[in-house]
Amino acid sequence: MNSHALPPDPDTLLYRMAFASLRGINFILAREFLARLGSERDFFEASESSLSSMTGGTRSRLFSRSYRDEVLDAARRELDFVAANSIATIYHTDSRYPSRLLEADDAPLMLYGLGNADLNPPASIAIVGTRHATPYGTAFVDALIKRLAQRMAIKPLIVSGLAFGIDIAAHRAALREGLPTAAVLAHGLNTIYPAQHRTTAVEIARSEGMLLTDYRSCDPIHKGNFLARNRIVAGLVDCLIVVESAAKGGALITARIADSYSRDVFAVPGRLGDKFSAGCNKLIARSRAHLITGADDLIEAMQWPVREEETAQLSLFPELSPADQAIIDLLSERGEARPAEIALALGQPIGKIMAALVDLEFKGRAIAFPGGLYRPA
C-alpha cells in the first residue's frame, strides 16, 4: 500500500487532494473507485453515468460534474497554499502516512503537516485530558514524560491535541525532555487554535515534532471538528493515557475510540470526589482502562525496551538535586506535609512541588498517603 516514496508531481497531487476532500469519501469507497478507474484523475474525468454504474446506478451529488469541478477548483487553491507554506501532504498510499492510522476505516485519505516528525515511530503515546487541568494532573504529565525520556531505549512520539490543560502540558513536557510530539489540529494550518498556544506550536513544528490535520485552509472551524480529530489522535498511537477528565468529556470519547481501534487505554486514578478525576476513576472501575501510576507501569505493560540503568540510578538512595533534597529535609523534619504546605515553606510554585513529589515517589524517597499527605520513605 505504501508504495510512493517520492513526492508526487503537482498534477498528481492536485487530483489526490481533490479526491481526498470529496464529501463522504472513505477508505472503502476510495479503494473501490481506484480499483475500477485506475487513478484519482480518472475519477474526475469520468462521466456521471459511468460513476453511477459502478455503484449499481445510484444517483449521487458526488458524481455530478458541477460538484467535481467545484472540488477541483478548491484543490487548486489549496495546492497554492500548501506550496507557499512548505506544508507536507501525506496521502494514504505514501510511505510517510502513519501505518497505525491505516488500520482505522474512518481515517482520512490525506493529512497535512508542518514539521518533521516520524509518524511511524517505534512507540507512540497519546496523552489526553481535561482543559481544566489541576496541579495534580499537570505534575503527573511532567513526571511521566520525564521518566519516559530517562528510561526508554527508544524515543516515543507524544501525541495530543494542543488544547488547554492536559494537552498542552503533554506537548510542552515532551519538548522539554527532547521527545518528538505531534499536535493534531481541528482546523487547517492557516491558523492556530487556541491562539495562546501559537509559540508552542511553532516550537513543535521546528523541532522533531509536527502539526498535523486532515483539514484544509478553506475548511471552516466548527465544534464537530474537535470530536472528529479525536479519531486521528487515537489512531496514531499504540496506547492512550487519560490523565484527568470529568464524568463526561472529549478525553473519554477519545478513549472509547482508542478502545474500538484495539489500542491499550490507561487512566490515572484520582481522589474520590474530585471533579476532574471522576472520568478516570469510572474508566478504571468499569475495566475500560488500566490503572497507571507512572511511566514504569506503562513501560512494563507495553513491554518497551529500556536503557541500562547507571550504577547511580540503581543505588538505593540516588543523589538528589538541592531542590528535591530540600523537600525531603522538610518532610523528615515535620514527619508529613501537604504539597501546598511544602510550597509555602520553600517559597516555590505548587506545580513545581507537585512534579517534584511525583518524581520523588518514583525514586522511592517519598510516599503519598490519603488526604494529600506526603511522608519521607
Protein backbone atom coordinates (compact mmCIF):
# COMPACT_ATOMS: atom_id res chain seq x y z
CA MET A 1 0.00 0.00 0.00
CA ASN A 2 2.76 2.46 0.96
CA SER A 3 4.45 2.44 -2.41
CA HIS A 4 5.08 6.12 -3.15
CA ALA A 5 8.35 7.18 -1.54
CA LEU A 6 8.89 10.28 -3.71
CA PRO A 7 6.67 13.37 -3.62
CA PRO A 8 4.09 13.28 -6.43
CA ASP A 9 4.18 15.76 -9.28
CA PRO A 10 1.87 18.80 -8.81
CA ASP A 11 -0.74 17.42 -11.21
CA THR A 12 -0.99 14.10 -9.37
CA LEU A 13 -1.04 15.89 -6.02
CA LEU A 14 -3.85 18.16 -7.20
CA TYR A 15 -6.11 15.21 -8.01
CA ARG A 16 -5.19 13.40 -4.79
CA MET A 17 -6.05 16.47 -2.72
CA ALA A 18 -9.33 16.88 -4.56
CA PHE A 19 -10.20 13.19 -4.27
CA ALA A 20 -9.45 13.16 -0.52
CA SER A 21 -11.74 16.16 0.03
CA LEU A 22 -14.82 14.61 -1.61
CA ARG A 23 -17.73 14.72 0.78
CA GLY A 24 -18.42 11.28 2.24
CA ILE A 25 -15.34 9.61 0.78
CA ASN A 26 -13.71 6.91 2.93
CA PHE A 27 -11.19 4.11 2.51
CA ILE A 28 -13.79 1.61 1.34
CA LEU A 29 -15.23 3.89 -1.35
CA ALA A 30 -11.81 5.21 -2.33
CA ARG A 31 -10.38 1.73 -2.86
CA GLU A 32 -13.43 0.69 -4.85
CA PHE A 33 -13.23 3.67 -7.21
CA LEU A 34 -9.46 3.49 -7.63
CA ALA A 35 -9.53 -0.26 -8.26
CA ARG A 36 -12.05 0.24 -11.08
CA LEU A 37 -10.81 3.52 -12.52
CA GLY A 38 -7.05 3.39 -12.00
CA SER A 39 -6.33 6.87 -10.67
CA GLU A 40 -7.81 9.88 -8.90
CA ARG A 41 -7.62 11.88 -12.12
CA ASP A 42 -9.73 9.26 -13.86
CA PHE A 43 -12.43 9.78 -11.23
CA PHE A 44 -12.68 13.47 -12.07
CA GLU A 45 -12.60 12.87 -15.81
CA ALA A 46 -15.17 10.03 -15.81
CA SER A 47 -18.74 10.68 -16.91
CA GLU A 48 -21.55 10.87 -14.37
CA SER A 49 -23.19 7.79 -15.87
CA SER A 50 -20.05 5.64 -15.64
CA LEU A 51 -19.54 6.57 -11.98
CA SER A 52 -23.17 5.89 -11.24
CA SER A 53 -22.99 2.46 -12.90
CA MET A 54 -20.13 1.49 -10.56
CA THR A 55 -22.49 1.81 -7.61
CA GLY A 56 -25.42 -0.01 -9.15
CA GLY A 57 -26.99 3.01 -10.81
CA THR A 58 -27.00 5.14 -7.67
CA ARG A 59 -27.56 8.85 -8.26
CA SER A 60 -25.34 10.99 -6.06
CA ARG A 61 -24.16 14.58 -5.97
CA LEU A 62 -20.73 13.06 -5.54
CA PHE A 63 -20.82 12.13 -9.23
CA SER A 64 -22.16 15.41 -10.61
CA ARG A 65 -19.86 17.30 -12.95
CA SER A 66 -20.53 20.63 -11.23
CA TYR A 67 -19.63 19.24 -7.79
CA ARG A 68 -16.43 17.61 -9.02
CA ASP A 69 -15.38 20.81 -10.81
CA GLU A 70 -16.05 22.75 -7.60
CA VAL A 71 -13.88 20.34 -5.63
CA LEU A 72 -11.07 20.62 -8.17
CA ASP A 73 -11.16 24.41 -8.04
CA ALA A 74 -10.84 24.31 -4.24
CA ALA A 75 -7.95 21.85 -4.55
CA ARG A 76 -6.11 24.22 -6.92
CA ARG A 77 -6.34 27.00 -4.34
CA GLU A 78 -5.22 24.64 -1.59
CA LEU A 79 -2.29 23.45 -3.69
CA ASP A 80 -1.08 27.06 -3.87
CA PHE A 81 -1.42 27.41 -0.09
CA VAL A 82 0.45 24.16 0.53
CA ALA A 83 3.31 25.13 -1.80
CA ALA A 84 3.62 28.66 -0.38
CA ASN A 85 3.85 27.41 3.22
CA SER A 86 6.02 24.30 2.77
CA ILE A 87 3.26 22.04 4.07
CA ALA A 88 3.73 18.28 3.78
CA THR A 89 0.91 16.43 2.04
CA ILE A 90 0.68 12.85 3.29
CA TYR A 91 -1.60 10.68 1.17
CA HIS A 92 -2.83 7.29 2.33
CA THR A 93 -0.62 5.49 -0.22
CA ASP A 94 2.54 7.37 0.84
CA SER A 95 5.22 5.63 2.86
CA ARG A 96 5.13 8.55 5.33
CA TYR A 97 1.44 8.02 6.10
CA PRO A 98 1.07 6.63 9.66
CA SER A 99 0.62 2.87 9.33
CA ARG A 100 -1.24 2.63 12.64
CA LEU A 101 -3.87 5.05 11.35
CA LEU A 102 -4.36 2.96 8.22
CA GLU A 103 -5.93 0.30 10.45
CA ALA A 104 -8.95 2.58 11.02
CA ASP A 105 -11.65 2.56 8.31
CA ASP A 106 -12.56 6.17 9.13
CA ALA A 107 -9.01 7.50 8.74
CA PRO A 108 -8.59 10.46 6.37
CA LEU A 109 -7.19 9.84 2.89
CA MET A 110 -4.95 12.91 3.16
CA LEU A 111 -3.09 14.52 6.04
CA TYR A 112 -1.40 17.92 6.06
CA GLY A 113 1.61 18.53 8.26
CA LEU A 114 4.13 21.14 9.36
CA GLY A 115 7.27 19.65 10.86
CA ASN A 116 9.49 16.61 10.57
CA ALA A 117 8.08 14.05 12.99
CA ASP A 118 8.29 10.37 12.08
CA LEU A 119 4.63 9.31 12.07
CA ASN A 120 5.70 5.66 12.13
CA PRO A 121 7.87 5.68 15.28
CA PRO A 122 8.78 2.54 17.22
CA ALA A 123 6.46 3.71 20.04
CA SER A 124 3.74 6.33 20.24
CA ILE A 125 1.59 7.54 23.13
CA ALA A 126 -1.48 9.77 23.21
CA ILE A 127 -1.92 11.83 26.37
CA VAL A 128 -5.32 13.48 26.74
CA GLY A 129 -7.45 15.00 29.45
CA THR A 130 -9.44 17.93 30.68
CA ARG A 131 -8.89 21.50 29.56
CA HIS A 132 -9.13 22.42 33.27
CA ALA A 133 -6.04 20.54 34.42
CA THR A 134 -5.20 20.65 38.12
CA PRO A 135 -1.67 20.81 39.56
CA TYR A 136 -2.03 17.06 40.24
CA GLY A 137 -2.69 16.31 36.55
CA THR A 138 0.00 18.61 35.21
CA ALA A 139 2.56 17.26 37.67
CA PHE A 140 1.74 13.71 36.63
CA VAL A 141 2.24 14.54 32.94
CA ASP A 142 5.57 16.26 33.66
CA ALA A 143 6.86 13.36 35.74
CA LEU A 144 5.57 10.72 33.31
CA ILE A 145 7.26 12.21 30.27
CA LYS A 146 10.47 12.97 32.14
CA ARG A 147 10.69 9.35 33.28
CA LEU A 148 9.86 8.01 29.80
CA ALA A 149 12.69 10.07 28.34
CA GLN A 150 15.07 8.78 31.02
CA ARG A 151 14.16 5.11 30.89
CA MET A 152 13.11 4.20 27.38
CA ALA A 153 15.73 2.95 24.93
CA ILE A 154 13.63 4.39 22.08
CA LYS A 155 12.10 7.82 21.74
CA PRO A 156 8.30 7.62 21.90
CA LEU A 157 6.17 10.07 19.93
CA ILE A 158 3.89 12.03 22.27
CA VAL A 159 0.54 12.83 20.62
CA SER A 160 -2.15 15.24 21.81
CA GLY A 161 -4.44 17.99 20.57
CA LEU A 162 -2.79 21.32 21.53
CA ALA A 163 -5.82 22.22 23.68
CA PHE A 164 -5.69 23.91 27.07
CA GLY A 165 -4.92 21.79 30.11
CA ILE A 166 -3.51 18.28 29.80
CA ASP A 167 -2.90 18.50 26.04
CA ILE A 168 -0.58 21.49 26.12
CA ALA A 169 1.14 20.14 29.25
CA ALA A 170 1.99 16.96 27.33
CA HIS A 171 3.39 18.85 24.34
CA ARG A 172 5.47 21.19 26.49
CA ALA A 173 6.85 18.37 28.64
CA ALA A 174 7.84 16.44 25.51
CA LEU A 175 9.65 19.50 24.14
CA ARG A 176 11.49 19.99 27.45
CA GLU A 177 12.59 16.37 27.56
CA GLY A 178 13.64 16.16 23.91
CA LEU A 179 10.88 13.80 22.81
CA PRO A 180 9.08 14.24 19.47
CA THR A 181 5.50 15.42 19.76
CA ALA A 182 2.62 15.66 17.28
CA ALA A 183 -0.27 18.08 17.77
CA VAL A 184 -3.42 17.01 15.94
CA LEU A 185 -5.43 20.09 14.97
CA ALA A 186 -9.16 20.50 14.34
CA HIS A 187 -8.63 23.08 11.60
CA GLY A 188 -6.39 23.96 8.69
CA LEU A 189 -2.76 25.02 9.02
CA ASN A 190 -3.62 28.62 8.20
CA THR A 191 -4.38 29.25 11.88
CA ILE A 192 -3.63 28.01 15.39
CA TYR A 193 -6.33 27.43 17.99
CA PRO A 194 -6.13 28.37 20.75
CA ALA A 195 -4.04 31.38 19.75
CA GLN A 196 -2.33 31.36 23.17
CA HIS A 197 -0.51 28.19 22.12
CA ARG A 198 1.00 29.65 18.95
CA THR A 199 4.52 29.84 20.43
CA THR A 200 4.39 26.18 21.45
CA ALA A 201 3.00 25.24 18.04
CA VAL A 202 5.94 26.96 16.32
CA GLU A 203 8.37 25.15 18.62
CA ILE A 204 6.73 21.82 17.80
CA ALA A 205 6.99 22.42 14.05
CA ARG A 206 10.64 23.48 14.32
CA SER A 207 11.71 20.54 16.47
CA GLU A 208 11.26 16.82 15.88
CA GLY A 209 7.51 17.35 16.07
CA MET A 210 4.63 18.06 13.73
CA LEU A 211 1.39 19.99 13.49
CA LEU A 212 -0.97 17.55 11.82
CA THR A 213 -4.50 17.87 10.42
CA ASP A 214 -6.86 16.47 7.82
CA TYR A 215 -8.49 19.89 7.34
CA ARG A 216 -7.67 22.32 4.55
CA SER A 217 -7.12 26.04 4.96
CA CYS A 218 -10.53 26.68 3.39
CA ASP A 219 -12.43 24.42 5.79
CA PRO A 220 -14.49 26.32 8.40
CA ILE A 221 -13.87 25.65 12.07
CA HIS A 222 -16.84 24.27 13.95
CA LYS A 223 -17.44 22.26 17.11
CA GLY A 224 -17.72 18.92 15.32
CA ASN A 225 -14.15 19.21 14.07
CA PHE A 226 -12.79 18.75 17.58
CA LEU A 227 -14.63 15.47 18.06
CA ALA A 228 -13.69 14.25 14.57
CA ARG A 229 -9.98 14.88 15.12
CA ASN A 230 -10.05 12.60 18.17
CA ARG A 231 -10.06 9.59 15.84
CA ILE A 232 -6.69 10.70 14.48
CA VAL A 233 -5.25 11.14 17.98
CA ALA A 234 -6.40 7.61 18.86
CA GLY A 235 -5.36 6.10 15.55
CA LEU A 236 -1.79 7.41 15.56
CA VAL A 237 -0.71 5.61 18.72
CA ASP A 238 -0.02 2.31 20.44
CA CYS A 239 -1.71 3.42 23.64
CA LEU A 240 -3.66 6.30 25.13
CA ILE A 241 -3.50 7.77 28.63
CA VAL A 242 -6.35 9.77 30.16
CA VAL A 243 -4.78 11.90 32.87
CA GLU A 244 -7.75 13.89 34.15
CA SER A 245 -11.36 14.02 32.97
CA ALA A 246 -14.75 14.92 34.33
CA ALA A 247 -17.51 12.33 34.16
CA LYS A 248 -18.18 13.45 30.57
CA GLY A 249 -15.76 14.97 28.11
CA GLY A 250 -13.76 14.74 24.92
CA ALA A 251 -11.00 12.70 26.56
CA LEU A 252 -13.45 9.91 27.36
CA ILE A 253 -14.68 9.94 23.76
CA THR A 254 -11.09 9.63 22.56
CA ALA A 255 -10.57 6.74 24.99
CA ARG A 256 -13.63 4.98 23.59
CA ILE A 257 -12.36 5.44 20.04
CA ALA A 258 -8.91 4.15 21.03
CA ASP A 259 -10.51 1.06 22.55
CA SER A 260 -12.50 0.46 19.34
CA TYR A 261 -9.18 0.58 17.46
CA SER A 262 -7.80 -2.07 19.87
CA ARG A 263 -5.38 0.39 21.45
CA ASP A 264 -4.32 -0.03 25.07
CA VAL A 265 -6.09 2.55 27.24
CA PHE A 266 -4.73 3.74 30.59
CA ALA A 267 -6.17 6.14 33.15
CA VAL A 268 -4.64 7.99 36.09
CA PRO A 269 -6.61 7.44 39.31
CA GLY A 270 -7.68 10.42 41.35
CA ARG A 271 -9.17 11.18 44.73
CA LEU A 272 -12.84 10.32 45.15
CA GLY A 273 -14.97 13.43 44.89
CA ASP A 274 -12.53 15.34 42.69
CA LYS A 275 -14.49 16.55 39.65
CA PHE A 276 -11.69 16.01 37.17
CA SER A 277 -10.84 12.55 38.42
CA ALA A 278 -14.40 11.23 38.05
CA GLY A 279 -13.95 10.20 34.42
CA CYS A 280 -10.65 8.40 35.02
CA ASN A 281 -11.96 6.61 38.10
CA LYS A 282 -15.02 5.50 36.11
CA LEU A 283 -12.88 4.11 33.29
CA ILE A 284 -10.83 2.11 35.78
CA ALA A 285 -13.84 0.91 37.80
CA ARG A 286 -15.58 -0.35 34.65
CA SER A 287 -12.40 -2.04 33.38
CA ARG A 288 -12.28 0.21 30.33
CA ALA A 289 -8.78 1.39 31.19
CA HIS A 290 -5.76 0.05 33.02
CA LEU A 291 -4.76 1.92 36.15
CA ILE A 292 -1.47 3.73 35.74
CA THR A 293 0.63 5.37 38.43
CA GLY A 294 3.66 6.34 36.38
CA ALA A 295 5.97 5.67 33.46
CA ASP A 296 7.24 2.36 34.83
CA ASP A 297 3.70 0.94 34.75
CA LEU A 298 3.34 1.98 31.11
CA ILE A 299 6.72 0.66 30.00
CA GLU A 300 6.08 -2.69 31.67
CA ALA A 301 2.56 -3.03 30.24
CA MET A 302 3.68 -2.14 26.70
CA GLN A 303 6.90 -4.19 27.02
CA TRP A 304 9.00 -1.39 25.59
CA PRO A 305 12.82 -1.64 25.74
CA VAL A 306 14.57 0.30 28.49
CA ARG A 307 18.04 1.70 28.86
CA GLU A 308 20.60 0.02 31.06
CA GLU A 309 20.39 1.86 34.34
CA GLU A 310 23.57 3.55 35.52
CA THR A 311 25.02 2.46 38.84
CA ALA A 312 23.95 5.71 40.45
CA GLN A 313 20.37 5.13 39.31
CA LEU A 314 20.41 1.61 40.72
CA SER A 315 21.55 2.74 44.16
CA LEU A 316 19.00 2.50 46.95
CA PHE A 317 19.08 6.24 47.56
CA PRO A 318 20.08 8.05 44.34
CA GLU A 319 21.61 11.50 44.70
CA LEU A 320 19.01 14.25 44.79
CA SER A 321 19.05 17.76 43.41
CA PRO A 322 19.23 20.56 46.01
CA ALA A 323 15.53 21.36 45.39
CA ASP A 324 14.44 17.74 45.88
CA GLN A 325 16.69 17.38 48.93
CA ALA A 326 15.04 20.45 50.47
CA ILE A 327 11.63 18.75 50.14
CA ILE A 328 12.91 15.53 51.74
CA ASP A 329 14.54 17.52 54.56
CA LEU A 330 11.25 19.30 55.22
CA LEU A 331 9.27 16.04 55.23
CA SER A 332 11.82 14.44 57.54
CA GLU A 333 11.61 17.39 59.91
CA ARG A 334 7.80 17.54 60.01
CA GLY A 335 7.04 13.86 59.52
CA GLU A 336 4.41 14.65 56.89
CA ALA A 337 3.13 17.61 54.86
CA ARG A 338 0.79 18.55 52.04
CA PRO A 339 2.10 19.99 48.74
CA ALA A 340 0.64 23.43 49.50
CA GLU A 341 2.42 23.48 52.87
CA ILE A 342 5.71 22.48 51.25
CA ALA A 343 5.31 25.14 48.56
CA LEU A 344 4.65 27.81 51.18
CA ALA A 345 7.56 26.76 53.36
CA LEU A 346 10.04 26.60 50.48
CA GLY A 347 8.69 29.56 48.53
CA GLN A 348 8.14 27.50 45.39
CA PRO A 349 5.16 27.25 42.95
CA ILE A 350 2.73 24.47 43.82
CA GLY A 351 3.03 22.94 40.33
CA LYS A 352 6.80 22.59 40.70
CA ILE A 353 6.40 20.98 44.13
CA MET A 354 3.79 18.51 42.79
CA ALA A 355 6.08 17.48 39.93
CA ALA A 356 8.99 17.03 42.34
CA LEU A 357 6.88 14.93 44.74
CA VAL A 358 5.78 12.59 41.95
CA ASP A 359 9.42 12.24 40.88
CA LEU A 360 10.45 11.54 44.46
CA GLU A 361 7.82 8.79 44.59
CA PHE A 362 9.40 7.21 41.51
CA LYS A 363 12.78 7.34 43.25
CA GLY A 364 11.36 5.73 46.37
CA ARG A 365 12.12 8.73 48.55
CA ALA A 366 8.57 9.92 49.32
CA ILE A 367 5.24 8.18 49.90
CA ALA A 368 1.79 9.61 49.15
CA PHE A 369 -0.98 8.99 51.69
CA PRO A 370 -4.75 9.64 51.63
CA GLY A 371 -5.71 13.23 52.22
CA GLY A 372 -2.95 14.57 50.03
CA LEU A 373 -0.25 13.96 52.63
CA TYR A 374 3.34 13.06 51.79
CA ARG A 375 5.85 11.40 54.13
CA PRO A 376 9.51 10.51 53.69
CA ALA A 377 10.12 6.90 52.62
